[in-house]
N, C-alpha and C. Protein backbone atom coordinates (compact mmCIF):
# COMPACT_ATOMS: atom_id res chain seq x y z
N MET A 1 37.04 13.85 -15.87
CA MET A 1 36.95 12.65 -15.06
C MET A 1 35.89 12.85 -13.98
N LYS A 2 34.96 11.93 -13.89
CA LYS A 2 33.90 12.03 -12.89
C LYS A 2 34.27 11.19 -11.68
N LEU A 3 34.19 11.79 -10.52
CA LEU A 3 34.46 11.06 -9.30
C LEU A 3 33.32 10.09 -9.02
N LYS A 4 33.69 8.92 -8.51
CA LYS A 4 32.71 7.89 -8.22
C LYS A 4 32.04 8.15 -6.87
N GLY A 5 30.74 7.97 -6.83
CA GLY A 5 30.02 7.95 -5.57
C GLY A 5 29.65 9.29 -4.98
N MET A 6 29.08 9.17 -3.81
CA MET A 6 28.65 10.29 -2.99
C MET A 6 27.57 11.17 -3.65
N GLN A 7 26.85 10.61 -4.58
CA GLN A 7 25.70 11.32 -5.12
C GLN A 7 24.47 10.96 -4.29
N LYS A 8 23.54 11.91 -4.17
CA LYS A 8 22.29 11.67 -3.48
C LYS A 8 21.29 11.13 -4.49
N VAL A 9 20.88 9.87 -4.27
CA VAL A 9 19.96 9.20 -5.18
C VAL A 9 18.66 8.93 -4.42
N HIS A 10 17.53 9.35 -4.98
CA HIS A 10 16.23 9.13 -4.35
C HIS A 10 15.42 8.14 -5.17
N ILE A 11 14.76 7.22 -4.46
CA ILE A 11 13.84 6.27 -5.07
C ILE A 11 12.46 6.62 -4.54
N ILE A 12 11.53 6.87 -5.48
CA ILE A 12 10.22 7.38 -5.07
C ILE A 12 9.10 6.67 -5.83
N PRO A 13 8.30 5.84 -5.15
CA PRO A 13 7.11 5.32 -5.80
C PRO A 13 6.09 6.45 -5.96
N VAL A 14 5.42 6.47 -7.10
CA VAL A 14 4.47 7.56 -7.38
C VAL A 14 3.05 7.03 -7.28
N GLY A 15 2.26 7.71 -6.46
CA GLY A 15 0.83 7.41 -6.35
C GLY A 15 0.07 8.62 -6.83
N PHE A 16 -0.69 9.22 -5.93
CA PHE A 16 -1.50 10.39 -6.26
C PHE A 16 -1.01 11.60 -5.47
N GLU A 17 0.28 11.82 -5.48
CA GLU A 17 0.91 12.86 -4.68
C GLU A 17 1.88 13.66 -5.52
N VAL A 18 2.05 14.92 -5.18
CA VAL A 18 3.10 15.74 -5.77
C VAL A 18 3.95 16.35 -4.66
N ASP A 19 3.30 17.01 -3.68
CA ASP A 19 4.06 17.65 -2.61
C ASP A 19 4.90 16.65 -1.82
N ARG A 20 4.37 15.46 -1.57
CA ARG A 20 5.13 14.45 -0.82
C ARG A 20 6.36 13.99 -1.60
N ILE A 21 6.36 14.21 -2.89
CA ILE A 21 7.51 13.87 -3.72
C ILE A 21 8.46 15.05 -3.82
N LEU A 22 7.93 16.20 -4.15
CA LEU A 22 8.76 17.37 -4.48
C LEU A 22 9.37 18.06 -3.26
N LEU A 23 8.59 18.28 -2.21
CA LEU A 23 9.09 19.05 -1.06
C LEU A 23 10.32 18.42 -0.39
N PRO A 24 10.33 17.11 -0.14
CA PRO A 24 11.56 16.53 0.44
C PRO A 24 12.77 16.64 -0.49
N LEU A 25 12.55 16.53 -1.79
CA LEU A 25 13.66 16.65 -2.73
C LEU A 25 14.25 18.06 -2.70
N GLU A 26 13.39 19.05 -2.56
CA GLU A 26 13.87 20.43 -2.48
C GLU A 26 14.67 20.65 -1.19
N GLU A 27 14.27 19.97 -0.12
CA GLU A 27 14.98 20.13 1.16
C GLU A 27 16.29 19.34 1.19
N ILE A 28 16.24 18.07 0.83
CA ILE A 28 17.42 17.20 0.91
C ILE A 28 18.33 17.39 -0.29
N ASN A 29 17.74 17.70 -1.43
CA ASN A 29 18.40 17.80 -2.73
C ASN A 29 18.64 16.40 -3.30
N ALA A 30 18.93 16.33 -4.57
CA ALA A 30 19.13 15.04 -5.24
C ALA A 30 20.00 15.24 -6.47
N ASP A 31 20.85 14.26 -6.72
CA ASP A 31 21.63 14.24 -7.95
C ASP A 31 20.95 13.36 -8.99
N LYS A 32 20.16 12.39 -8.50
CA LYS A 32 19.46 11.46 -9.39
C LYS A 32 18.18 11.02 -8.69
N VAL A 33 17.11 10.86 -9.47
CA VAL A 33 15.82 10.44 -8.92
C VAL A 33 15.25 9.31 -9.77
N TYR A 34 14.83 8.25 -9.10
CA TYR A 34 14.06 7.17 -9.74
C TYR A 34 12.60 7.38 -9.37
N LEU A 35 11.75 7.63 -10.34
CA LEU A 35 10.31 7.69 -10.12
C LEU A 35 9.72 6.35 -10.56
N LEU A 36 9.04 5.68 -9.65
CA LEU A 36 8.49 4.36 -9.93
C LEU A 36 6.99 4.46 -10.13
N GLY A 37 6.53 4.09 -11.31
CA GLY A 37 5.10 4.12 -11.62
C GLY A 37 4.48 2.75 -11.48
N ASP A 38 3.19 2.71 -11.27
CA ASP A 38 2.46 1.46 -11.09
C ASP A 38 1.89 1.00 -12.43
N LYS A 39 2.50 -0.04 -13.01
CA LYS A 39 1.99 -0.51 -14.30
C LYS A 39 0.69 -1.29 -14.16
N SER A 40 0.26 -1.58 -12.94
CA SER A 40 -1.04 -2.24 -12.74
C SER A 40 -2.16 -1.20 -12.58
N ASP A 41 -1.83 0.09 -12.68
CA ASP A 41 -2.81 1.18 -12.59
C ASP A 41 -3.62 1.21 -13.90
N LYS A 42 -4.78 0.60 -13.88
CA LYS A 42 -5.58 0.44 -15.10
C LYS A 42 -6.08 1.77 -15.66
N LYS A 43 -6.45 2.71 -14.78
CA LYS A 43 -6.99 3.99 -15.23
C LYS A 43 -5.88 4.96 -15.64
N LYS A 44 -4.67 4.64 -15.28
CA LYS A 44 -3.51 5.49 -15.59
C LYS A 44 -3.55 6.83 -14.85
N ASP A 45 -4.30 6.90 -13.74
CA ASP A 45 -4.34 8.13 -12.96
C ASP A 45 -2.96 8.46 -12.39
N GLY A 46 -2.25 7.44 -11.94
CA GLY A 46 -0.92 7.65 -11.37
C GLY A 46 0.07 8.19 -12.38
N HIS A 47 -0.11 7.83 -13.64
CA HIS A 47 0.82 8.32 -14.68
C HIS A 47 0.69 9.84 -14.86
N HIS A 48 -0.50 10.36 -14.59
CA HIS A 48 -0.71 11.81 -14.61
C HIS A 48 0.21 12.48 -13.58
N PHE A 49 0.25 11.91 -12.36
CA PHE A 49 1.08 12.46 -11.30
C PHE A 49 2.56 12.19 -11.56
N MET A 50 2.86 11.11 -12.25
CA MET A 50 4.25 10.82 -12.64
C MET A 50 4.76 11.93 -13.55
N LYS A 51 3.97 12.31 -14.54
CA LYS A 51 4.38 13.36 -15.48
C LYS A 51 4.56 14.71 -14.78
N ILE A 52 3.60 15.06 -13.91
CA ILE A 52 3.70 16.32 -13.18
C ILE A 52 4.94 16.32 -12.30
N SER A 53 5.16 15.23 -11.57
CA SER A 53 6.31 15.13 -10.66
C SER A 53 7.62 15.18 -11.43
N GLU A 54 7.71 14.43 -12.52
CA GLU A 54 8.93 14.40 -13.32
C GLU A 54 9.27 15.80 -13.83
N SER A 55 8.28 16.50 -14.34
CA SER A 55 8.49 17.85 -14.86
C SER A 55 8.96 18.80 -13.76
N ALA A 56 8.31 18.76 -12.60
CA ALA A 56 8.67 19.64 -11.48
C ALA A 56 10.07 19.34 -10.96
N ILE A 57 10.43 18.06 -10.88
CA ILE A 57 11.76 17.68 -10.40
C ILE A 57 12.82 18.18 -11.37
N LYS A 58 12.58 17.99 -12.67
CA LYS A 58 13.56 18.45 -13.66
C LYS A 58 13.72 19.97 -13.64
N GLU A 59 12.64 20.67 -13.33
CA GLU A 59 12.69 22.13 -13.28
C GLU A 59 13.36 22.64 -12.00
N LYS A 60 13.07 22.00 -10.86
CA LYS A 60 13.48 22.56 -9.57
C LYS A 60 14.63 21.85 -8.87
N VAL A 61 14.91 20.57 -9.23
CA VAL A 61 15.88 19.80 -8.44
C VAL A 61 17.02 19.25 -9.29
N THR A 62 16.72 18.37 -10.24
CA THR A 62 17.75 17.74 -11.06
C THR A 62 17.15 17.31 -12.40
N LYS A 63 17.97 17.33 -13.42
CA LYS A 63 17.53 16.84 -14.74
C LYS A 63 17.64 15.32 -14.83
N ASN A 64 18.38 14.73 -13.90
CA ASN A 64 18.66 13.29 -13.93
C ASN A 64 17.52 12.52 -13.25
N VAL A 65 16.45 12.31 -14.01
CA VAL A 65 15.26 11.60 -13.51
C VAL A 65 15.03 10.38 -14.40
N GLU A 66 14.94 9.24 -13.75
CA GLU A 66 14.68 7.99 -14.48
C GLU A 66 13.33 7.45 -14.03
N THR A 67 12.44 7.14 -14.98
CA THR A 67 11.14 6.57 -14.63
C THR A 67 11.15 5.08 -14.95
N GLN A 68 10.51 4.32 -14.08
CA GLN A 68 10.39 2.88 -14.28
C GLN A 68 8.99 2.46 -13.86
N ASP A 69 8.41 1.55 -14.61
CA ASP A 69 7.12 0.98 -14.24
C ASP A 69 7.35 -0.33 -13.51
N MET A 70 6.63 -0.47 -12.41
CA MET A 70 6.65 -1.70 -11.62
C MET A 70 5.21 -2.09 -11.34
N ASP A 71 4.99 -3.34 -11.05
CA ASP A 71 3.66 -3.80 -10.68
C ASP A 71 3.52 -3.65 -9.17
N PHE A 72 2.84 -2.60 -8.73
CA PHE A 72 2.70 -2.31 -7.30
C PHE A 72 1.84 -3.34 -6.58
N SER A 73 1.26 -4.28 -7.30
CA SER A 73 0.46 -5.33 -6.65
C SER A 73 1.24 -6.64 -6.52
N ASP A 74 2.50 -6.66 -6.98
CA ASP A 74 3.32 -7.87 -6.95
C ASP A 74 4.55 -7.62 -6.07
N LEU A 75 4.40 -7.89 -4.77
CA LEU A 75 5.44 -7.59 -3.79
C LEU A 75 6.78 -8.27 -4.10
N PRO A 76 6.84 -9.57 -4.38
CA PRO A 76 8.14 -10.20 -4.62
C PRO A 76 8.90 -9.59 -5.82
N THR A 77 8.20 -9.34 -6.91
CA THR A 77 8.85 -8.77 -8.09
C THR A 77 9.31 -7.34 -7.82
N MET A 78 8.44 -6.57 -7.18
CA MET A 78 8.79 -5.20 -6.86
C MET A 78 10.00 -5.16 -5.92
N LEU A 79 10.02 -6.03 -4.94
CA LEU A 79 11.13 -6.10 -3.99
C LEU A 79 12.44 -6.44 -4.71
N SER A 80 12.37 -7.37 -5.63
CA SER A 80 13.54 -7.75 -6.42
C SER A 80 14.07 -6.58 -7.25
N GLN A 81 13.16 -5.86 -7.91
CA GLN A 81 13.57 -4.71 -8.74
C GLN A 81 14.16 -3.59 -7.88
N LEU A 82 13.57 -3.34 -6.72
CA LEU A 82 14.09 -2.32 -5.81
C LEU A 82 15.47 -2.69 -5.30
N CYS A 83 15.63 -3.95 -4.91
CA CYS A 83 16.94 -4.41 -4.42
C CYS A 83 18.02 -4.22 -5.48
N LYS A 84 17.68 -4.47 -6.72
CA LYS A 84 18.64 -4.29 -7.83
C LYS A 84 19.04 -2.82 -7.96
N ILE A 85 18.06 -1.92 -7.96
CA ILE A 85 18.36 -0.49 -8.07
C ILE A 85 19.24 -0.04 -6.92
N ILE A 86 18.84 -0.39 -5.70
CA ILE A 86 19.58 0.05 -4.52
C ILE A 86 21.00 -0.52 -4.52
N SER A 87 21.13 -1.82 -4.79
CA SER A 87 22.47 -2.42 -4.76
C SER A 87 23.37 -1.83 -5.85
N ASP A 88 22.81 -1.54 -7.02
CA ASP A 88 23.61 -0.90 -8.08
C ASP A 88 24.09 0.47 -7.65
N GLU A 89 23.21 1.26 -7.04
CA GLU A 89 23.59 2.60 -6.59
C GLU A 89 24.58 2.55 -5.43
N LYS A 90 24.38 1.61 -4.52
CA LYS A 90 25.32 1.45 -3.40
C LYS A 90 26.69 1.01 -3.90
N GLU A 91 26.70 0.17 -4.94
CA GLU A 91 27.96 -0.28 -5.54
C GLU A 91 28.74 0.90 -6.10
N GLU A 92 28.02 1.92 -6.57
CA GLU A 92 28.64 3.15 -7.07
C GLU A 92 29.01 4.10 -5.92
N GLU A 93 28.77 3.63 -4.68
CA GLU A 93 29.07 4.39 -3.46
C GLU A 93 28.21 5.65 -3.33
N ASN A 94 26.99 5.57 -3.83
CA ASN A 94 26.05 6.68 -3.71
C ASN A 94 25.23 6.55 -2.43
N ILE A 95 24.68 7.66 -1.98
CA ILE A 95 23.80 7.68 -0.81
C ILE A 95 22.38 7.52 -1.34
N VAL A 96 21.69 6.48 -0.89
CA VAL A 96 20.35 6.18 -1.40
C VAL A 96 19.30 6.57 -0.36
N PHE A 97 18.36 7.40 -0.80
CA PHE A 97 17.22 7.81 0.01
C PHE A 97 15.97 7.19 -0.61
N ILE A 98 15.03 6.77 0.24
CA ILE A 98 13.78 6.21 -0.26
C ILE A 98 12.60 6.90 0.41
N ASN A 99 11.70 7.42 -0.41
CA ASN A 99 10.49 8.07 0.06
C ASN A 99 9.42 6.99 0.22
N VAL A 100 8.99 6.73 1.45
CA VAL A 100 7.99 5.69 1.68
C VAL A 100 6.58 6.27 1.87
N SER A 101 6.40 7.56 1.54
CA SER A 101 5.12 8.20 1.80
C SER A 101 4.31 8.49 0.55
N SER A 102 4.84 8.27 -0.63
CA SER A 102 4.19 8.77 -1.84
C SER A 102 3.49 7.71 -2.69
N GLY A 103 3.74 6.45 -2.47
CA GLY A 103 3.11 5.40 -3.27
C GLY A 103 1.98 4.73 -2.50
N ASN A 104 1.59 3.55 -2.95
CA ASN A 104 0.56 2.81 -2.23
C ASN A 104 1.20 2.02 -1.08
N THR A 105 0.39 1.32 -0.32
CA THR A 105 0.87 0.60 0.86
C THR A 105 1.89 -0.46 0.49
N LEU A 106 1.60 -1.26 -0.53
CA LEU A 106 2.51 -2.34 -0.90
C LEU A 106 3.85 -1.81 -1.39
N SER A 107 3.84 -0.71 -2.14
CA SER A 107 5.11 -0.14 -2.59
C SER A 107 5.90 0.40 -1.40
N SER A 108 5.22 0.94 -0.40
CA SER A 108 5.90 1.42 0.81
C SER A 108 6.53 0.26 1.58
N ILE A 109 5.83 -0.85 1.65
CA ILE A 109 6.37 -2.03 2.33
C ILE A 109 7.60 -2.53 1.59
N ALA A 110 7.51 -2.66 0.27
CA ALA A 110 8.64 -3.14 -0.52
C ALA A 110 9.85 -2.20 -0.37
N CYS A 111 9.59 -0.89 -0.42
CA CYS A 111 10.68 0.08 -0.28
C CYS A 111 11.32 0.00 1.10
N THR A 112 10.51 -0.19 2.13
CA THR A 112 11.04 -0.28 3.49
C THR A 112 11.92 -1.52 3.64
N ILE A 113 11.44 -2.66 3.18
CA ILE A 113 12.22 -3.89 3.30
C ILE A 113 13.52 -3.79 2.51
N ALA A 114 13.43 -3.38 1.24
CA ALA A 114 14.63 -3.28 0.39
C ALA A 114 15.61 -2.26 0.98
N GLY A 115 15.08 -1.14 1.46
CA GLY A 115 15.93 -0.12 2.05
C GLY A 115 16.66 -0.61 3.28
N MET A 116 15.98 -1.38 4.11
CA MET A 116 16.62 -1.89 5.32
C MET A 116 17.64 -2.99 5.01
N ILE A 117 17.39 -3.75 3.97
CA ILE A 117 18.38 -4.77 3.58
C ILE A 117 19.68 -4.12 3.12
N TYR A 118 19.55 -3.04 2.36
CA TYR A 118 20.74 -2.42 1.75
C TYR A 118 21.19 -1.12 2.43
N GLY A 119 20.60 -0.80 3.57
CA GLY A 119 21.07 0.35 4.33
C GLY A 119 20.77 1.70 3.71
N ALA A 120 19.64 1.82 3.02
CA ALA A 120 19.23 3.11 2.47
C ALA A 120 18.62 3.97 3.57
N LYS A 121 18.56 5.25 3.34
CA LYS A 121 17.94 6.19 4.28
C LYS A 121 16.47 6.34 3.89
N LEU A 122 15.58 5.92 4.78
CA LEU A 122 14.16 5.96 4.52
C LEU A 122 13.56 7.22 5.14
N TYR A 123 12.61 7.83 4.43
CA TYR A 123 11.93 8.99 5.00
C TYR A 123 10.46 9.00 4.64
N TYR A 124 9.70 9.67 5.50
CA TYR A 124 8.26 9.80 5.32
C TYR A 124 7.92 11.28 5.38
N ALA A 125 7.19 11.78 4.40
CA ALA A 125 6.80 13.19 4.36
C ALA A 125 5.36 13.33 4.83
N ASN A 126 5.20 13.83 6.06
CA ASN A 126 3.86 14.15 6.57
C ASN A 126 3.40 15.44 5.92
N THR A 127 2.20 15.44 5.41
CA THR A 127 1.65 16.66 4.82
C THR A 127 0.28 16.93 5.40
N LYS A 128 -0.21 18.10 5.11
CA LYS A 128 -1.57 18.45 5.49
C LYS A 128 -2.51 17.64 4.59
N SER A 129 -3.35 16.85 5.18
CA SER A 129 -4.23 15.98 4.39
C SER A 129 -5.41 16.75 3.81
N THR A 130 -5.86 16.27 2.68
CA THR A 130 -7.07 16.75 2.07
C THR A 130 -8.16 15.74 2.40
N ASP A 131 -9.35 16.20 2.76
CA ASP A 131 -10.44 15.30 3.06
C ASP A 131 -10.86 14.59 1.77
N GLN A 132 -10.50 13.32 1.68
CA GLN A 132 -10.72 12.55 0.45
C GLN A 132 -12.20 12.43 0.10
N TYR A 133 -13.09 12.52 1.08
CA TYR A 133 -14.51 12.33 0.82
C TYR A 133 -15.17 13.61 0.30
N GLN A 134 -14.53 14.75 0.54
CA GLN A 134 -15.11 16.01 0.08
C GLN A 134 -14.44 16.53 -1.18
N VAL A 135 -13.34 15.90 -1.57
CA VAL A 135 -12.59 16.37 -2.73
C VAL A 135 -13.31 15.96 -4.01
N LYS A 136 -13.50 16.92 -4.86
CA LYS A 136 -14.00 16.63 -6.20
C LYS A 136 -12.79 16.75 -7.12
N ILE A 137 -12.89 16.19 -8.29
CA ILE A 137 -11.78 16.30 -9.22
C ILE A 137 -11.67 17.76 -9.65
N THR A 138 -10.79 18.46 -8.99
CA THR A 138 -10.60 19.88 -9.25
C THR A 138 -9.20 20.07 -9.83
N ASN A 139 -8.93 21.28 -10.23
CA ASN A 139 -7.58 21.58 -10.73
C ASN A 139 -6.55 21.36 -9.65
N GLN A 140 -6.88 21.70 -8.38
CA GLN A 140 -5.92 21.49 -7.30
C GLN A 140 -5.59 20.01 -7.15
N LEU A 141 -6.60 19.16 -7.16
CA LEU A 141 -6.36 17.72 -7.03
C LEU A 141 -5.51 17.22 -8.19
N LYS A 142 -5.83 17.66 -9.39
CA LYS A 142 -5.07 17.21 -10.55
C LYS A 142 -3.64 17.71 -10.54
N GLN A 143 -3.39 18.87 -9.90
CA GLN A 143 -2.05 19.44 -9.88
C GLN A 143 -1.25 19.03 -8.64
N LYS A 144 -1.91 18.86 -7.50
CA LYS A 144 -1.21 18.64 -6.24
C LYS A 144 -1.39 17.25 -5.66
N GLY A 145 -2.41 16.53 -6.04
CA GLY A 145 -2.63 15.21 -5.48
C GLY A 145 -3.53 15.25 -4.26
N MET A 146 -3.51 14.16 -3.50
CA MET A 146 -4.42 13.99 -2.37
C MET A 146 -4.02 14.81 -1.15
N THR A 147 -2.76 15.19 -1.03
CA THR A 147 -2.31 15.98 0.11
C THR A 147 -1.50 17.16 -0.40
N VAL A 148 -1.42 18.18 0.42
CA VAL A 148 -0.64 19.37 0.05
C VAL A 148 0.19 19.80 1.25
N GLY A 149 1.30 20.54 0.97
CA GLY A 149 2.16 21.04 2.03
C GLY A 149 1.39 22.01 2.90
N PRO A 150 1.88 22.52 4.01
CA PRO A 150 3.23 22.32 4.52
C PRO A 150 3.43 20.90 5.01
N TYR A 151 4.67 20.56 5.20
CA TYR A 151 4.94 19.18 5.56
C TYR A 151 6.05 19.12 6.60
N ASN A 152 6.20 17.94 7.18
CA ASN A 152 7.25 17.66 8.14
C ASN A 152 7.95 16.38 7.68
N LEU A 153 9.25 16.42 7.51
CA LEU A 153 10.01 15.26 7.04
C LEU A 153 10.47 14.44 8.23
N GLU A 154 10.15 13.16 8.22
CA GLU A 154 10.55 12.27 9.31
C GLU A 154 11.44 11.17 8.77
N GLU A 155 12.61 11.02 9.39
CA GLU A 155 13.50 9.92 9.02
C GLU A 155 13.02 8.66 9.72
N ILE A 156 12.97 7.57 8.99
CA ILE A 156 12.55 6.29 9.55
C ILE A 156 13.79 5.62 10.16
N PRO A 157 13.70 5.14 11.40
CA PRO A 157 14.87 4.47 11.99
C PRO A 157 15.27 3.25 11.18
N HIS A 158 16.57 3.00 11.14
CA HIS A 158 17.08 1.88 10.35
C HIS A 158 17.22 0.63 11.23
N TYR A 159 16.65 -0.44 10.75
CA TYR A 159 16.81 -1.74 11.39
C TYR A 159 17.41 -2.65 10.33
N THR A 160 18.53 -3.26 10.64
CA THR A 160 19.23 -4.07 9.65
C THR A 160 18.47 -5.36 9.39
N ILE A 161 18.26 -5.63 8.12
CA ILE A 161 17.71 -6.90 7.67
C ILE A 161 18.76 -7.50 6.75
N TYR A 162 19.23 -8.68 7.08
CA TYR A 162 20.27 -9.29 6.26
C TYR A 162 19.64 -10.11 5.14
N PRO A 163 20.14 -9.93 3.92
CA PRO A 163 19.61 -10.75 2.81
C PRO A 163 20.01 -12.20 3.01
N PRO A 164 19.20 -13.12 2.50
CA PRO A 164 19.54 -14.54 2.65
C PRO A 164 20.84 -14.87 1.92
N SER A 165 21.56 -15.81 2.49
CA SER A 165 22.82 -16.24 1.88
C SER A 165 22.54 -17.11 0.65
N GLU A 166 23.56 -17.36 -0.13
CA GLU A 166 23.41 -18.24 -1.30
C GLU A 166 23.03 -19.65 -0.86
N ARG A 167 23.53 -20.07 0.29
CA ARG A 167 23.19 -21.40 0.80
C ARG A 167 21.69 -21.47 1.12
N THR A 168 21.14 -20.41 1.70
CA THR A 168 19.71 -20.37 2.00
C THR A 168 18.90 -20.38 0.71
N HIS A 169 19.34 -19.62 -0.30
CA HIS A 169 18.66 -19.63 -1.61
C HIS A 169 18.66 -21.03 -2.21
N SER A 170 19.81 -21.69 -2.16
CA SER A 170 19.92 -23.05 -2.71
C SER A 170 18.98 -24.01 -1.99
N SER A 171 18.92 -23.90 -0.68
CA SER A 171 18.04 -24.77 0.11
C SER A 171 16.58 -24.52 -0.25
N ALA A 172 16.21 -23.27 -0.39
CA ALA A 172 14.82 -22.93 -0.74
C ALA A 172 14.47 -23.47 -2.13
N ARG A 173 15.40 -23.32 -3.08
CA ARG A 173 15.16 -23.85 -4.44
C ARG A 173 14.97 -25.37 -4.39
N TYR A 174 15.80 -26.04 -3.61
CA TYR A 174 15.73 -27.50 -3.49
C TYR A 174 14.37 -27.92 -2.92
N ILE A 175 13.94 -27.24 -1.86
CA ILE A 175 12.65 -27.56 -1.22
C ILE A 175 11.50 -27.28 -2.19
N ARG A 176 11.57 -26.17 -2.88
CA ARG A 176 10.50 -25.83 -3.84
C ARG A 176 10.42 -26.88 -4.95
N GLN A 177 11.58 -27.31 -5.46
CA GLN A 177 11.59 -28.32 -6.53
C GLN A 177 11.01 -29.63 -6.04
N ARG A 178 11.32 -30.02 -4.83
CA ARG A 178 10.81 -31.28 -4.27
C ARG A 178 9.32 -31.21 -4.03
N ASN A 179 8.81 -30.04 -3.68
CA ASN A 179 7.37 -29.89 -3.38
C ASN A 179 6.53 -29.78 -4.66
N THR A 180 7.13 -29.47 -5.78
CA THR A 180 6.36 -29.34 -7.02
C THR A 180 6.27 -30.63 -7.80
N ARG A 181 6.91 -31.64 -7.34
CA ARG A 181 6.86 -32.94 -8.05
C ARG A 181 5.66 -33.74 -7.69
């Protein structure tokens, strides 16, 4: 019999980073990890880092890694998908952590908003930056990403954002229908 809840679940958008993904997981630990890839990444560079991160997490942290592709350029859709993941995990009484430092700007915004709506623990991993203008595509860049450790983990303060009520949703639908005629 498996006890319900109290698992540490991390949601992590993947950009061009490895240390910002792996180092916090090694410190905080995780029972389950969602790695979110950008399906609008035309060159598929981010998928390279997704594979490296997934492999390292399975080796060093947990075997329970789920990958999902999202369109990091579509804020409303991404926000909806994140809210679904978080609410499902919260319903299971799990502790949800969200890494807002590893994806692009829009994915960080979506993660922050969704996390604040559902009371997730948000964190940012500061790392030693690599000078992006002097970096050539080297083995280090391909293996570690744009930044490398050491790092400092910062918890983002929580500000409650309440999701709109069903009445507000109904009103918005009504207004939208009237404006499209």
